[in-house]
Amino acid sequence: MSYNVENYFDVVDDSLTNDSEYLPGGMRGWNYEKYIFKQAQISKVIAALGAWEGPALIGLCEVESEKCLKYLTNYAGLKSFKYKYAHFESPDARGIDVALLYQPLAFKLIHKEAVSIHFPDNPTIKTRDLLYVMGKVPTGDTLHVFMCHFPSRLGGALESAHKRNYVASVLHTKTDSILGRNNKANIVIMGDFNDYPTDASLQKALGAKRLEKPYASNQLYNFMYSIHESNKGSHKHDGSWGALDQIIVSGNLLTSKTFYCHEAKVFDAEFLLENDLKFLGKQPFRTYNGMKYQKGFSDHLPVYVDFFMKDL
């Protein structure tokens, strides 16, 4: 499961980041009660998507701190699932990071690292790290997981595209290295890419293709092509749905004899939506509508994929 939870901030001032908007006394009116309610909303989504068992792996975007993850996994509605997490503090200006929750019985952690991004044309620009995690699944196979939150479209999609293209090239270098050592490596890439499957960052810089047989084990395939081209997705902008949140896999996961997957889906439960009064239809039910606090969930919907295991 991959989910941009939209501004999951704690209530502690981080002097190294610009988190004043989400502090008690700040312009959002953020406080401890809203922080705890936000945790409960995130827990509700995860529990509902996992049919009360909980997804084995959960990638999260826009998490401010390790404190947020401790509270989410130990004190909120997810406590019974016994999730562990992988997370690093990143240099993002607002202090929002990516993280991976995992169930230890389903995923035995072997290695984790933060993949730093240093833009060669402007080293002063800071952005979120990529999170790389490697572990063993119950079949005995190794799974490589990348959790991503590419640079935003702030300032315009075209004007900021070079940043996402560069981050995608860094990610491509990492996956190429893994596939160079083992051309049947099992790789899952997920997150909020702030680009669509048809954009250059994903199609060219990363080299993620649409699902078309025959599958090559050392190639990356983007599950969200068909969803995006059907005018559906996880995010709505100016009245149009699109798949900014994506799940990408290596070809071996489409053909493996031990565990495999067929498709990804958007979790669009009714409680995650509200009426779109401007463009009609539905839209994600956000925590804030502008500056108005409305007790929603996020401006993104979760995306997920089911893995089927054999020969256990």
C-alpha atoms as a PDB file:
ATOM      1  CA  MET A   1       0.000   0.000   0.000  1.00  0.00           C
ATOM      2  CA  SER A   2       1.204   3.503  -0.820  1.00  0.00           C
ATOM      3  CA  TYR A   3      -0.470   6.518   0.733  1.00  0.00           C
ATOM      4  CA  ASN A   4       0.292  10.233   0.787  1.00  0.00           C
ATOM      5  CA  VAL A   5      -1.327  11.060   4.128  1.00  0.00           C
ATOM      6  CA  GLU A   6      -1.083  14.842   3.578  1.00  0.00           C
ATOM      7  CA  ASN A   7       0.721  16.796   6.265  1.00  0.00           C
ATOM      8  CA  TYR A   8       0.953  14.325   9.124  1.00  0.00           C
ATOM      9  CA  PHE A   9       2.710  16.715  11.522  1.00  0.00           C
ATOM     10  CA  ASP A  10       3.376  16.340  15.223  1.00  0.00           C
ATOM     11  CA  VAL A  11       3.048  19.311  17.588  1.00  0.00           C
ATOM     12  CA  VAL A  12       6.747  19.769  18.421  1.00  0.00           C
ATOM     13  CA  ASP A  13       8.724  22.618  16.876  1.00  0.00           C
ATOM     14  CA  ASP A  14      11.639  21.422  14.768  1.00  0.00           C
ATOM     15  CA  SER A  15      14.116  24.299  14.668  1.00  0.00           C
ATOM     16  CA  LEU A  16      15.741  22.907  11.502  1.00  0.00           C
ATOM     17  CA  THR A  17      12.585  22.922   9.351  1.00  0.00           C
ATOM     18  CA  ASN A  18       9.757  25.252   8.426  1.00  0.00           C
ATOM     19  CA  ASP A  19       6.960  23.515  10.338  1.00  0.00           C
ATOM     20  CA  SER A  20       5.385  26.631  11.895  1.00  0.00           C
ATOM     21  CA  GLU A  21       2.165  26.229   9.873  1.00  0.00           C
ATOM     22  CA  TYR A  22       1.424  23.012  11.771  1.00  0.00           C
ATOM     23  CA  LEU A  23       2.266  24.049  15.310  1.00  0.00           C
ATOM     24  CA  PRO A  24      -0.018  25.116  18.164  1.00  0.00           C
ATOM     25  CA  GLY A  25      -0.599  28.818  17.648  1.00  0.00           C
ATOM     26  CA  GLY A  26       0.231  28.555  13.956  1.00  0.00           C
ATOM     27  CA  MET A  27      -1.960  29.657  11.057  1.00  0.00           C
ATOM     28  CA  ARG A  28      -3.649  26.228  10.768  1.00  0.00           C
ATOM     29  CA  GLY A  29      -4.712  26.074  14.382  1.00  0.00           C
ATOM     30  CA  TRP A  30      -2.969  22.714  14.654  1.00  0.00           C
ATOM     31  CA  ASN A  31      -2.972  21.161  18.118  1.00  0.00           C
ATOM     32  CA  TYR A  32      -2.587  17.889  19.996  1.00  0.00           C
ATOM     33  CA  GLU A  33      -6.232  16.896  19.545  1.00  0.00           C
ATOM     34  CA  LYS A  34      -6.044  17.343  15.768  1.00  0.00           C
ATOM     35  CA  TYR A  35      -2.738  15.454  15.681  1.00  0.00           C
ATOM     36  CA  ILE A  36      -4.280  12.469  17.510  1.00  0.00           C
ATOM     37  CA  PHE A  37      -7.377  12.598  15.284  1.00  0.00           C
ATOM     38  CA  LYS A  38      -5.152  12.606  12.184  1.00  0.00           C
ATOM     39  CA  GLN A  39      -3.500   9.415  13.463  1.00  0.00           C
ATOM     40  CA  ALA A  40      -6.902   7.834  13.981  1.00  0.00           C
ATOM     41  CA  GLN A  41      -7.937   8.730  10.418  1.00  0.00           C
ATOM     42  CA  ILE A  42      -4.763   7.237   8.934  1.00  0.00           C
ATOM     43  CA  SER A  43      -5.275   4.086  11.023  1.00  0.00           C
ATOM     44  CA  LYS A  44      -8.864   3.811   9.824  1.00  0.00           C
ATOM     45  CA  VAL A  45      -7.780   3.894   6.174  1.00  0.00           C
ATOM     46  CA  ILE A  46      -5.071   1.273   6.655  1.00  0.00           C
ATOM     47  CA  ALA A  47      -7.340  -1.062   8.619  1.00  0.00           C
ATOM     48  CA  ALA A  48     -10.162  -0.714   6.083  1.00  0.00           C
ATOM     49  CA  LEU A  49      -7.908  -1.349   3.089  1.00  0.00           C
ATOM     50  CA  GLY A  50      -6.341  -4.386   4.746  1.00  0.00           C
ATOM     51  CA  ALA A  51      -9.738  -5.852   5.709  1.00  0.00           C
ATOM     52  CA  TRP A  52      -8.734  -5.610   9.408  1.00  0.00           C
ATOM     53  CA  GLU A  53      -5.570  -7.643   8.862  1.00  0.00           C
ATOM     54  CA  GLY A  54      -3.419  -4.761   7.668  1.00  0.00           C
ATOM     55  CA  PRO A  55      -1.264  -4.622   4.530  1.00  0.00           C
ATOM     56  CA  ALA A  56       2.129  -6.318   4.903  1.00  0.00           C
ATOM     57  CA  LEU A  57       3.965  -3.220   3.593  1.00  0.00           C
ATOM     58  CA  ILE A  58       2.775   0.379   3.796  1.00  0.00           C
ATOM     59  CA  GLY A  59       4.612   3.256   2.178  1.00  0.00           C
ATOM     60  CA  LEU A  60       3.757   6.682   3.600  1.00  0.00           C
ATOM     61  CA  CYS A  61       4.435  10.170   2.235  1.00  0.00           C
ATOM     62  CA  GLU A  62       4.331  13.457   4.164  1.00  0.00           C
ATOM     63  CA  VAL A  63       5.224  12.167   7.613  1.00  0.00           C
ATOM     64  CA  GLU A  64       7.042  14.778   9.671  1.00  0.00           C
ATOM     65  CA  SER A  65       8.965  12.727  12.206  1.00  0.00           C
ATOM     66  CA  GLU A  66       9.802   9.459  13.874  1.00  0.00           C
ATOM     67  CA  LYS A  67       7.533  10.567  16.715  1.00  0.00           C
ATOM     68  CA  CYS A  68       4.583  10.488  14.300  1.00  0.00           C
ATOM     69  CA  LEU A  69       5.470   6.917  13.336  1.00  0.00           C
ATOM     70  CA  LYS A  70       5.908   5.778  16.956  1.00  0.00           C
ATOM     71  CA  TYR A  71       2.502   7.121  17.890  1.00  0.00           C
ATOM     72  CA  LEU A  72       0.880   5.718  14.758  1.00  0.00           C
ATOM     73  CA  THR A  73       2.227   2.194  15.255  1.00  0.00           C
ATOM     74  CA  ASN A  74       2.201   1.972  19.057  1.00  0.00           C
ATOM     75  CA  TYR A  75      -0.730   4.026  20.300  1.00  0.00           C
ATOM     76  CA  ALA A  76      -3.209   4.549  17.478  1.00  0.00           C
ATOM     77  CA  GLY A  77      -5.593   2.013  15.948  1.00  0.00           C
ATOM     78  CA  LEU A  78      -2.706   0.118  14.338  1.00  0.00           C
ATOM     79  CA  LYS A  79      -1.260  -1.121  17.641  1.00  0.00           C
ATOM     80  CA  SER A  80      -2.650  -4.662  17.252  1.00  0.00           C
ATOM     81  CA  PHE A  81      -0.929  -5.075  13.856  1.00  0.00           C
ATOM     82  CA  LYS A  82       2.524  -4.759  15.492  1.00  0.00           C
ATOM     83  CA  TYR A  83       4.037  -2.747  12.647  1.00  0.00           C
ATOM     84  CA  LYS A  84       7.705  -1.815  12.616  1.00  0.00           C
ATOM     85  CA  TYR A  85       8.982   1.007  10.449  1.00  0.00           C
ATOM     86  CA  ALA A  86      11.919   2.215   8.382  1.00  0.00           C
ATOM     87  CA  HIS A  87      12.454   5.962   8.287  1.00  0.00           C
ATOM     88  CA  PHE A  88      15.167   8.610   8.034  1.00  0.00           C
ATOM     89  CA  GLU A  89      14.945  12.343   8.621  1.00  0.00           C
ATOM     90  CA  SER A  90      15.356  14.024   5.239  1.00  0.00           C
ATOM     91  CA  PRO A  91      16.510  17.551   4.312  1.00  0.00           C
ATOM     92  CA  ASP A  92      13.076  18.599   3.014  1.00  0.00           C
ATOM     93  CA  ALA A  93      12.469  22.262   3.899  1.00  0.00           C
ATOM     94  CA  ARG A  94       9.129  21.535   5.564  1.00  0.00           C
ATOM     95  CA  GLY A  95      10.465  18.446   7.288  1.00  0.00           C
ATOM     96  CA  ILE A  96       8.163  15.917   5.615  1.00  0.00           C
ATOM     97  CA  ASP A  97       9.591  12.481   4.925  1.00  0.00           C
ATOM     98  CA  VAL A  98       8.718   9.092   3.484  1.00  0.00           C
ATOM     99  CA  ALA A  99       8.501   5.949   5.598  1.00  0.00           C
ATOM    100  CA  LEU A 100       7.772   2.259   5.272  1.00  0.00           C
ATOM    101  CA  LEU A 101       5.693   0.299   7.770  1.00  0.00           C
ATOM    102  CA  TYR A 102       6.111  -3.465   7.670  1.00  0.00           C
ATOM    103  CA  GLN A 103       4.774  -6.504   9.509  1.00  0.00           C
ATOM    104  CA  PRO A 104       7.813  -8.484  10.752  1.00  0.00           C
ATOM    105  CA  LEU A 105       6.167 -11.854  10.081  1.00  0.00           C
ATOM    106  CA  ALA A 106       5.609 -10.889   6.445  1.00  0.00           C
ATOM    107  CA  PHE A 107       8.815  -8.944   5.825  1.00  0.00           C
ATOM    108  CA  LYS A 108      12.116  -9.581   7.589  1.00  0.00           C
ATOM    109  CA  LEU A 109      14.192  -6.416   7.353  1.00  0.00           C
ATOM    110  CA  ILE A 110      17.757  -6.917   6.094  1.00  0.00           C
ATOM    111  CA  HIS A 111      18.871  -3.439   5.098  1.00  0.00           C
ATOM    112  CA  LYS A 112      17.624   0.147   4.929  1.00  0.00           C
ATOM    113  CA  GLU A 113      19.165   3.357   3.678  1.00  0.00           C
ATOM    114  CA  ALA A 114      18.345   6.899   2.703  1.00  0.00           C
ATOM    115  CA  VAL A 115      19.261   7.737  -0.898  1.00  0.00           C
ATOM    116  CA  SER A 116      20.179  11.416  -0.845  1.00  0.00           C
ATOM    117  CA  ILE A 117      19.426  13.749  -3.733  1.00  0.00           C
ATOM    118  CA  HIS A 118      21.964  16.403  -4.713  1.00  0.00           C
ATOM    119  CA  PHE A 119      20.973  18.437  -7.751  1.00  0.00           C
ATOM    120  CA  PRO A 120      24.159  19.077  -9.776  1.00  0.00           C
ATOM    121  CA  ASP A 121      22.844  22.324 -11.276  1.00  0.00           C
ATOM    122  CA  ASN A 122      21.851  23.783  -7.897  1.00  0.00           C
ATOM    123  CA  PRO A 123      23.283  22.056  -4.799  1.00  0.00           C
ATOM    124  CA  THR A 124      21.395  24.437  -2.470  1.00  0.00           C
ATOM    125  CA  ILE A 125      18.007  22.923  -3.388  1.00  0.00           C
ATOM    126  CA  LYS A 126      16.833  20.431  -0.795  1.00  0.00           C
ATOM    127  CA  THR A 127      14.345  17.653  -1.376  1.00  0.00           C
ATOM    128  CA  ARG A 128      13.205  14.421   0.199  1.00  0.00           C
ATOM    129  CA  ASP A 129      15.479  11.394   0.216  1.00  0.00           C
ATOM    130  CA  LEU A 130      14.446   8.160  -1.448  1.00  0.00           C
ATOM    131  CA  LEU A 131      13.979   5.334   1.045  1.00  0.00           C
ATOM    132  CA  TYR A 132      15.480   1.971   0.089  1.00  0.00           C
ATOM    133  CA  VAL A 133      14.580  -1.107   2.126  1.00  0.00           C
ATOM    134  CA  MET A 134      15.517  -4.741   1.496  1.00  0.00           C
ATOM    135  CA  GLY A 135      13.971  -7.736   3.229  1.00  0.00           C
ATOM    136  CA  LYS A 136      12.904 -11.377   3.037  1.00  0.00           C
ATOM    137  CA  VAL A 137       9.300 -12.450   2.466  1.00  0.00           C
ATOM    138  CA  PRO A 138       7.802 -15.795   3.657  1.00  0.00           C
ATOM    139  CA  THR A 139       8.670 -17.580   0.390  1.00  0.00           C
ATOM    140  CA  GLY A 140      12.362 -16.950   1.098  1.00  0.00           C
ATOM    141  CA  ASP A 141      12.633 -14.441  -1.751  1.00  0.00           C
ATOM    142  CA  THR A 142      14.363 -11.103  -1.317  1.00  0.00           C
ATOM    143  CA  LEU A 143      12.247  -8.011  -1.960  1.00  0.00           C
ATOM    144  CA  HIS A 144      13.748  -4.601  -2.737  1.00  0.00           C
ATOM    145  CA  VAL A 145      11.424  -1.696  -1.907  1.00  0.00           C
ATOM    146  CA  PHE A 146      11.847   1.980  -2.825  1.00  0.00           C
ATOM    147  CA  MET A 147       9.561   4.561  -1.249  1.00  0.00           C
ATOM    148  CA  CYS A 148       9.513   7.891  -3.102  1.00  0.00           C
ATOM    149  CA  HIS A 149       8.097  11.383  -2.915  1.00  0.00           C
ATOM    150  CA  PHE A 150       9.377  13.273  -5.940  1.00  0.00           C
ATOM    151  CA  PRO A 151       9.720  17.101  -5.925  1.00  0.00           C
ATOM    152  CA  SER A 152       6.446  19.002  -6.175  1.00  0.00           C
ATOM    153  CA  ARG A 153       5.039  20.884  -9.142  1.00  0.00           C
ATOM    154  CA  LEU A 154       5.245  24.168  -7.256  1.00  0.00           C
ATOM    155  CA  GLY A 155       6.015  26.906  -9.763  1.00  0.00           C
ATOM    156  CA  GLY A 156       4.576  24.901 -12.648  1.00  0.00           C
ATOM    157  CA  ALA A 157       4.795  21.343 -13.942  1.00  0.00           C
ATOM    158  CA  LEU A 158       7.120  22.172 -16.829  1.00  0.00           C
ATOM    159  CA  GLU A 159       9.303  24.547 -14.816  1.00  0.00           C
ATOM    160  CA  SER A 160       9.891  21.914 -12.102  1.00  0.00           C
ATOM    161  CA  ALA A 161      10.072  18.836 -14.364  1.00  0.00           C
ATOM    162  CA  HIS A 162      13.879  18.790 -14.435  1.00  0.00           C
ATOM    163  CA  LYS A 163      13.927  18.100 -10.675  1.00  0.00           C
ATOM    164  CA  ARG A 164      11.699  15.057 -10.978  1.00  0.00           C
ATOM    165  CA  ASN A 165      13.631  13.868 -14.023  1.00  0.00           C
ATOM    166  CA  TYR A 166      16.852  14.002 -12.034  1.00  0.00           C
ATOM    167  CA  VAL A 167      15.417  12.158  -9.016  1.00  0.00           C
ATOM    168  CA  ALA A 168      14.051   9.507 -11.397  1.00  0.00           C
ATOM    169  CA  SER A 169      17.538   9.111 -12.919  1.00  0.00           C
ATOM    170  CA  VAL A 170      19.009   8.550  -9.441  1.00  0.00           C
ATOM    171  CA  LEU A 171      16.346   5.938  -8.770  1.00  0.00           C
ATOM    172  CA  HIS A 172      17.068   4.313 -12.140  1.00  0.00           C
ATOM    173  CA  THR A 173      20.748   4.055 -11.261  1.00  0.00           C
ATOM    174  CA  LYS A 174      19.862   2.262  -8.018  1.00  0.00           C
ATOM    175  CA  THR A 175      17.490  -0.220  -9.676  1.00  0.00           C
ATOM    176  CA  ASP A 176      19.941  -0.844 -12.533  1.00  0.00           C
ATOM    177  CA  SER A 177      22.602  -1.698  -9.978  1.00  0.00           C
ATOM    178  CA  ILE A 178      20.295  -4.225  -8.293  1.00  0.00           C
ATOM    179  CA  LEU A 179      19.230  -5.776 -11.605  1.00  0.00           C
ATOM    180  CA  GLY A 180      22.846  -5.835 -12.771  1.00  0.00           C
ATOM    181  CA  ARG A 181      23.699  -8.121  -9.863  1.00  0.00           C
ATOM    182  CA  ASN A 182      20.543 -10.218 -10.300  1.00  0.00           C
ATOM    183  CA  ASN A 183      18.430  -9.803 -13.432  1.00  0.00           C
ATOM    184  CA  LYS A 184      15.541 -11.543 -11.670  1.00  0.00           C
ATOM    185  CA  ALA A 185      15.527  -9.270  -8.641  1.00  0.00           C
ATOM    186  CA  ASN A 186      12.129  -8.490  -7.112  1.00  0.00           C
ATOM    187  CA  ILE A 187      11.703  -4.714  -6.947  1.00  0.00           C
ATOM    188  CA  VAL A 188       8.737  -2.630  -5.827  1.00  0.00           C
ATOM    189  CA  ILE A 189       8.804   1.152  -6.282  1.00  0.00           C
ATOM    190  CA  MET A 190       5.948   3.194  -4.855  1.00  0.00           C
ATOM    191  CA  GLY A 191       5.013   6.651  -3.672  1.00  0.00           C
ATOM    192  CA  ASP A 192       3.825  10.054  -4.819  1.00  0.00           C
ATOM    193  CA  PHE A 193       5.789  10.940  -7.951  1.00  0.00           C
ATOM    194  CA  ASN A 194       4.130  14.314  -8.632  1.00  0.00           C
ATOM    195  CA  ASP A 195       4.126  13.162 -12.248  1.00  0.00           C
ATOM    196  CA  TYR A 196       1.919  10.830 -14.231  1.00  0.00           C
ATOM    197  CA  PRO A 197       2.943   7.478 -15.757  1.00  0.00           C
ATOM    198  CA  THR A 198       3.160   9.115 -19.189  1.00  0.00           C
ATOM    199  CA  ASP A 199       5.517  11.894 -18.038  1.00  0.00           C
ATOM    200  CA  ALA A 200       9.197  11.863 -18.938  1.00  0.00           C
ATOM    201  CA  SER A 201      10.461  11.306 -15.403  1.00  0.00           C
ATOM    202  CA  LEU A 202       8.773   7.912 -15.169  1.00  0.00           C
ATOM    203  CA  GLN A 203       8.602   6.873 -18.804  1.00  0.00           C
ATOM    204  CA  LYS A 204      12.089   7.922 -19.899  1.00  0.00           C
ATOM    205  CA  ALA A 205      14.335   8.752 -16.929  1.00  0.00           C
ATOM    206  CA  LEU A 206      13.163   5.753 -14.868  1.00  0.00           C
ATOM    207  CA  GLY A 207      12.187   3.601 -17.849  1.00  0.00           C
ATOM    208  CA  ALA A 208       8.947   2.261 -16.354  1.00  0.00           C
ATOM    209  CA  LYS A 209       6.814   0.738 -19.113  1.00  0.00           C
ATOM    210  CA  ARG A 210       3.128  -0.078 -19.389  1.00  0.00           C
ATOM    211  CA  LEU A 211       2.070  -3.672 -18.728  1.00  0.00           C
ATOM    212  CA  GLU A 212       2.481  -5.471 -22.040  1.00  0.00           C
ATOM    213  CA  LYS A 213       3.477  -9.103 -22.466  1.00  0.00           C
ATOM    214  CA  PRO A 214       5.967 -10.648 -22.820  1.00  0.00           C
ATOM    215  CA  TYR A 215       7.478  -9.332 -19.595  1.00  0.00           C
ATOM    216  CA  ALA A 216      11.241  -9.019 -19.220  1.00  0.00           C
ATOM    217  CA  SER A 217      12.511  -9.857 -15.745  1.00  0.00           C
ATOM    218  CA  ASN A 218      15.015  -6.973 -15.754  1.00  0.00           C
ATOM    219  CA  GLN A 219      12.513  -4.323 -16.893  1.00  0.00           C
ATOM    220  CA  LEU A 220      10.352  -2.005 -14.754  1.00  0.00           C
ATOM    221  CA  TYR A 221       6.567  -1.924 -15.292  1.00  0.00           C
ATOM    222  CA  ASN A 222       4.148   0.746 -14.091  1.00  0.00           C
ATOM    223  CA  PHE A 223       0.799  -0.612 -12.916  1.00  0.00           C
ATOM    224  CA  MET A 224      -0.888   2.797 -13.077  1.00  0.00           C
ATOM    225  CA  TYR A 225      -0.778   3.401 -16.838  1.00  0.00           C
ATOM    226  CA  SER A 226      -4.253   2.004 -17.549  1.00  0.00           C
ATOM    227  CA  ILE A 227      -5.787   3.693 -14.495  1.00  0.00           C
ATOM    228  CA  HIS A 228      -4.405   7.077 -15.463  1.00  0.00           C
ATOM    229  CA  GLU A 229      -5.407   6.720 -19.127  1.00  0.00           C
ATOM    230  CA  SER A 230      -8.950   5.843 -18.009  1.00  0.00           C
ATOM    231  CA  ASN A 231      -9.180   9.297 -16.369  1.00  0.00           C
ATOM    232  CA  LYS A 232      -9.088   7.736 -12.930  1.00  0.00           C
ATOM    233  CA  GLY A 233      -6.493   7.982 -10.220  1.00  0.00           C
ATOM    234  CA  SER A 234      -5.515   8.837  -6.677  1.00  0.00           C
ATOM    235  CA  HIS A 235      -5.558  12.633  -6.900  1.00  0.00           C
ATOM    236  CA  LYS A 236      -7.863  15.245  -8.413  1.00  0.00           C
ATOM    237  CA  HIS A 237      -6.587  18.537  -9.839  1.00  0.00           C
ATOM    238  CA  ASP A 238      -8.778  21.143 -11.551  1.00  0.00           C
ATOM    239  CA  GLY A 239     -11.569  18.615 -11.940  1.00  0.00           C
ATOM    240  CA  SER A 240      -9.441  15.849 -13.465  1.00  0.00           C
ATOM    241  CA  TRP A 241      -8.368  12.625 -11.784  1.00  0.00           C
ATOM    242  CA  GLY A 242      -4.820  11.391 -12.315  1.00  0.00           C
ATOM    243  CA  ALA A 243      -2.394   8.794 -10.966  1.00  0.00           C
ATOM    244  CA  LEU A 244       0.303  10.756  -9.167  1.00  0.00           C
ATOM    245  CA  ASP A 245       0.580   7.854  -6.716  1.00  0.00           C
ATOM    246  CA  GLN A 246       1.968   4.777  -8.406  1.00  0.00           C
ATOM    247  CA  ILE A 247       3.279   1.268  -7.881  1.00  0.00           C
ATOM    248  CA  ILE A 248       6.033   0.061 -10.206  1.00  0.00           C
ATOM    249  CA  VAL A 249       7.507  -3.448 -10.185  1.00  0.00           C
ATOM    250  CA  SER A 250      10.296  -5.366 -11.852  1.00  0.00           C
ATOM    251  CA  GLY A 251       9.266  -7.921 -14.455  1.00  0.00           C
ATOM    252  CA  ASN A 252      10.090 -10.926 -12.283  1.00  0.00           C
ATOM    253  CA  LEU A 253       7.185 -10.027  -9.984  1.00  0.00           C
ATOM    254  CA  LEU A 254       4.841 -10.494 -12.933  1.00  0.00           C
ATOM    255  CA  THR A 255       6.141 -13.961 -13.796  1.00  0.00           C
ATOM    256  CA  SER A 256       7.696 -15.394 -10.621  1.00  0.00           C
ATOM    257  CA  LYS A 257       6.856 -18.976  -9.689  1.00  0.00           C
ATOM    258  CA  THR A 258       6.882 -18.240  -5.952  1.00  0.00           C
ATOM    259  CA  PHE A 259       5.004 -14.948  -5.571  1.00  0.00           C
ATOM    260  CA  TYR A 260       3.533 -12.621  -8.123  1.00  0.00           C
ATOM    261  CA  CYS A 261       1.096  -9.755  -8.698  1.00  0.00           C
ATOM    262  CA  HIS A 262      -1.292  -8.819 -11.505  1.00  0.00           C
ATOM    263  CA  GLU A 263      -2.568  -5.277 -10.986  1.00  0.00           C
ATOM    264  CA  ALA A 264      -2.699  -2.300  -8.681  1.00  0.00           C
ATOM    265  CA  LYS A 265      -5.869  -0.570  -7.539  1.00  0.00           C
ATOM    266  CA  VAL A 266      -6.961   2.732  -6.061  1.00  0.00           C
ATOM    267  CA  PHE A 267      -8.706   2.456  -2.694  1.00  0.00           C
ATOM    268  CA  ASP A 268     -11.680   4.762  -3.190  1.00  0.00           C
ATOM    269  CA  ALA A 269     -13.944   3.832  -0.274  1.00  0.00           C
ATOM    270  CA  GLU A 270     -16.908   6.174   0.057  1.00  0.00           C
ATOM    271  CA  PHE A 271     -15.731   7.560   3.414  1.00  0.00           C
ATOM    272  CA  LEU A 272     -12.553   8.858   1.716  1.00  0.00           C
ATOM    273  CA  LEU A 273     -14.534  11.032  -0.709  1.00  0.00           C
ATOM    274  CA  GLU A 274     -16.676  14.142  -0.597  1.00  0.00           C
ATOM    275  CA  ASN A 275     -18.749  16.012  -3.168  1.00  0.00           C
ATOM    276  CA  ASP A 276     -16.786  18.235  -5.529  1.00  0.00           C
ATOM    277  CA  LEU A 277     -18.920  21.362  -5.524  1.00  0.00           C
ATOM    278  CA  LYS A 278     -16.792  23.168  -8.123  1.00  0.00           C
ATOM    279  CA  PHE A 279     -16.166  20.495 -10.754  1.00  0.00           C
ATOM    280  CA  LEU A 280     -18.929  18.030  -9.770  1.00  0.00           C
ATOM    281  CA  GLY A 281     -18.487  14.369  -9.005  1.00  0.00           C
ATOM    282  CA  LYS A 282     -16.345  13.364  -6.048  1.00  0.00           C
ATOM    283  CA  GLN A 283     -12.970  14.406  -4.715  1.00  0.00           C
ATOM    284  CA  PRO A 284     -10.700  13.235  -1.871  1.00  0.00           C
ATOM    285  CA  PHE A 285     -11.956  14.255   1.572  1.00  0.00           C
ATOM    286  CA  ARG A 286      -9.084  16.348   2.904  1.00  0.00           C
ATOM    287  CA  THR A 287      -8.105  17.280   6.453  1.00  0.00           C
ATOM    288  CA  TYR A 288      -8.340  20.936   5.445  1.00  0.00           C
ATOM    289  CA  ASN A 289     -10.351  22.552   2.670  1.00  0.00           C
ATOM    290  CA  GLY A 290      -8.269  25.657   2.139  1.00  0.00           C
ATOM    291  CA  MET A 291      -7.823  26.937   5.682  1.00  0.00           C
ATOM    292  CA  LYS A 292     -10.998  25.300   6.976  1.00  0.00           C
ATOM    293  CA  TYR A 293     -10.434  22.261   9.173  1.00  0.00           C
ATOM    294  CA  GLN A 294     -12.967  19.614   8.148  1.00  0.00           C
ATOM    295  CA  LYS A 295     -11.758  16.389   9.821  1.00  0.00           C
ATOM    296  CA  GLY A 296     -11.048  14.588   6.553  1.00  0.00           C
ATOM    297  CA  PHE A 297      -8.254  12.237   5.549  1.00  0.00           C
ATOM    298  CA  SER A 298      -5.974  13.388   2.714  1.00  0.00           C
ATOM    299  CA  ASP A 299      -5.919  15.018  -0.715  1.00  0.00           C
ATOM    300  CA  HIS A 300      -4.699  11.653  -2.060  1.00  0.00           C
ATOM    301  CA  LEU A 301      -6.286   8.214  -2.159  1.00  0.00           C
ATOM    302  CA  PRO A 302      -4.177   5.135  -1.343  1.00  0.00           C
ATOM    303  CA  VAL A 303      -3.031   2.746  -4.055  1.00  0.00           C
ATOM    304  CA  TYR A 304      -2.290  -0.916  -3.417  1.00  0.00           C
ATOM    305  CA  VAL A 305      -1.373  -4.243  -4.958  1.00  0.00           C
ATOM    306  CA  ASP A 306      -2.123  -7.799  -3.841  1.00  0.00           C
ATOM    307  CA  PHE A 307       0.735 -10.317  -3.938  1.00  0.00           C
ATOM    308  CA  PHE A 308      -0.108 -13.974  -4.349  1.00  0.00           C
ATOM    309  CA  MET A 309       2.287 -16.538  -2.887  1.00  0.00           C
ATOM    310  CA  LYS A 310       2.806 -20.132  -3.927  1.00  0.00           C
ATOM    311  CA  ASP A 311       4.867 -23.066  -2.674  1.00  0.00           C
ATOM    312  CA  LEU A 312       4.919 -21.879   0.926  1.00  0.00           C
END
